[in-house]
Each structure stands twice: as C-alpha cells, then as structure tokens.
Amino acid sequence: MSKQARPLERQRRVGFGRRRAHRRRGRQKLRAAHRAFLLRDGARLAEGPVAQVLNRAQLEALYGAPVEQLSDADTGGAAFLPGW
C-alpha cells in the first residue's frame, strides 16, 4: 500500500465522516451524537441535547415549511419528513 493510501485506509477503518457501527454481544449499536446544532446562514438557531433540538417545531422554524414526524413505538426513535 502506498504512503498516500494509508491515511485513507485508516479513515475508512475508523469510520471517519460517518456513523460507526459497533458490535456488542451479537447486536449492532450505532454511535450517534449527544448534542445537536441547527444553523441557518451561519447563525445558531438551536443547540442542546438531540431530543430537545430535533423536534417538529424546531425543524419547521429552520426550514420554514411543514414537517411530519414519524415515531417508532418499539425504539422510541423519530424520523422527520417534509410535510404537505
């Protein structure tokens, strides 16, 4: 492997720039951020714990458009989609 390829290979192994999956007792767990920032035109609109920042009202304020929230009853996770 060339000297130039080594740093890229290390980034790929480490998962640089994307979420990393970890195996723990046969299950996969995705590492995610504990804090979130909402920025528009360089100004900080919101900052704090993910559950408080990533919600329907905050995202509608950020995008200036309706947002639909989908919740997973099993995991408690949420997803947001453009509203109609």
Protein backbone atom coordinates (compact mmCIF):
# COMPACT_ATOMS: atom_id res chain seq x y z
CA MET A 1 0.00 0.00 0.00
CA SER A 2 1.38 3.41 -0.92
CA LYS A 3 2.07 6.09 1.68
CA GLN A 4 -0.76 8.21 0.21
CA ALA A 5 -3.29 5.39 0.52
CA ARG A 6 -2.51 4.64 4.18
CA PRO A 7 -4.30 7.66 5.71
CA LEU A 8 -7.36 6.99 3.53
CA GLU A 9 -7.38 3.34 4.57
CA ARG A 10 -7.18 4.38 8.23
CA GLN A 11 -10.10 6.80 7.78
CA ARG A 12 -12.13 4.02 6.17
CA ARG A 13 -11.41 1.65 9.06
CA VAL A 14 -12.15 4.24 11.72
CA GLY A 15 -15.36 5.32 10.01
CA PHE A 16 -14.21 8.90 9.57
CA GLY A 17 -17.06 11.16 8.47
CA ARG A 18 -19.89 8.69 9.03
CA ARG A 19 -21.60 6.83 11.84
CA ARG A 20 -19.75 3.79 13.10
CA ALA A 21 -21.41 0.52 13.94
CA HIS A 22 -20.09 -1.35 16.96
CA ARG A 23 -20.77 -4.98 17.78
CA ARG A 24 -21.74 -5.66 21.35
CA ARG A 25 -22.88 -9.14 22.38
CA GLY A 26 -24.07 -10.02 18.88
CA ARG A 27 -26.06 -6.83 18.35
CA GLN A 28 -25.08 -3.75 16.41
CA LYS A 29 -25.23 -0.37 18.05
CA LEU A 30 -24.84 2.84 16.07
CA ARG A 31 -22.88 5.61 17.69
CA ALA A 32 -24.75 8.89 17.45
CA ALA A 33 -24.26 12.44 18.67
CA HIS A 34 -25.44 13.54 22.09
CA ARG A 35 -25.82 17.18 21.09
CA ALA A 36 -27.26 18.87 18.02
CA PHE A 37 -26.92 22.31 16.44
CA LEU A 38 -29.33 23.92 13.99
CA LEU A 39 -27.63 26.57 11.85
CA ARG A 40 -29.00 28.93 9.21
CA ASP A 41 -26.82 31.42 7.33
CA GLY A 42 -24.10 30.98 9.93
CA ALA A 43 -26.40 31.81 12.85
CA ARG A 44 -27.14 29.25 15.54
CA LEU A 45 -30.90 28.69 15.82
CA ALA A 46 -30.80 25.95 18.44
CA GLU A 47 -28.27 23.98 20.43
CA GLY A 48 -28.59 21.26 23.04
CA PRO A 49 -29.44 17.62 23.59
CA VAL A 50 -30.64 15.90 20.43
CA ALA A 51 -34.10 15.10 21.84
CA GLN A 52 -34.71 18.77 22.62
CA VAL A 53 -33.28 20.26 19.42
CA LEU A 54 -34.51 17.79 16.80
CA ASN A 55 -38.25 18.15 17.08
CA ARG A 56 -41.04 19.18 14.76
CA ALA A 57 -41.29 22.82 15.89
CA GLN A 58 -37.54 23.46 15.66
CA LEU A 59 -37.25 21.89 12.19
CA GLU A 60 -40.27 23.81 10.88
CA ALA A 61 -38.66 27.03 12.13
CA LEU A 62 -35.38 26.08 10.46
CA TYR A 63 -36.84 25.17 7.06
CA GLY A 64 -39.85 27.49 7.06
CA ALA A 65 -42.00 24.61 5.88
CA PRO A 66 -44.23 21.98 7.48
CA VAL A 67 -42.50 18.85 8.79
CA GLU A 68 -44.08 15.48 9.62
CA GLN A 69 -42.67 13.40 12.46
CA LEU A 70 -42.74 9.60 12.38
CA SER A 71 -42.08 7.74 15.64
CA ASP A 72 -41.06 4.13 16.19
CA ALA A 73 -43.04 2.72 19.11
CA ASP A 74 -40.50 -0.08 19.69
CA THR A 75 -37.32 2.01 19.83
CA GLY A 76 -38.64 5.49 20.57
CA GLY A 77 -36.71 6.79 17.58
CA ALA A 78 -38.04 9.52 15.34
CA ALA A 79 -37.76 10.45 11.68
CA PHE A 80 -38.79 13.68 10.02
CA LEU A 81 -40.20 14.13 6.53
CA PRO A 82 -41.29 17.17 4.53
CA GLY A 83 -44.94 17.89 5.32
CA TRP A 84 -47.69 18.51 2.80
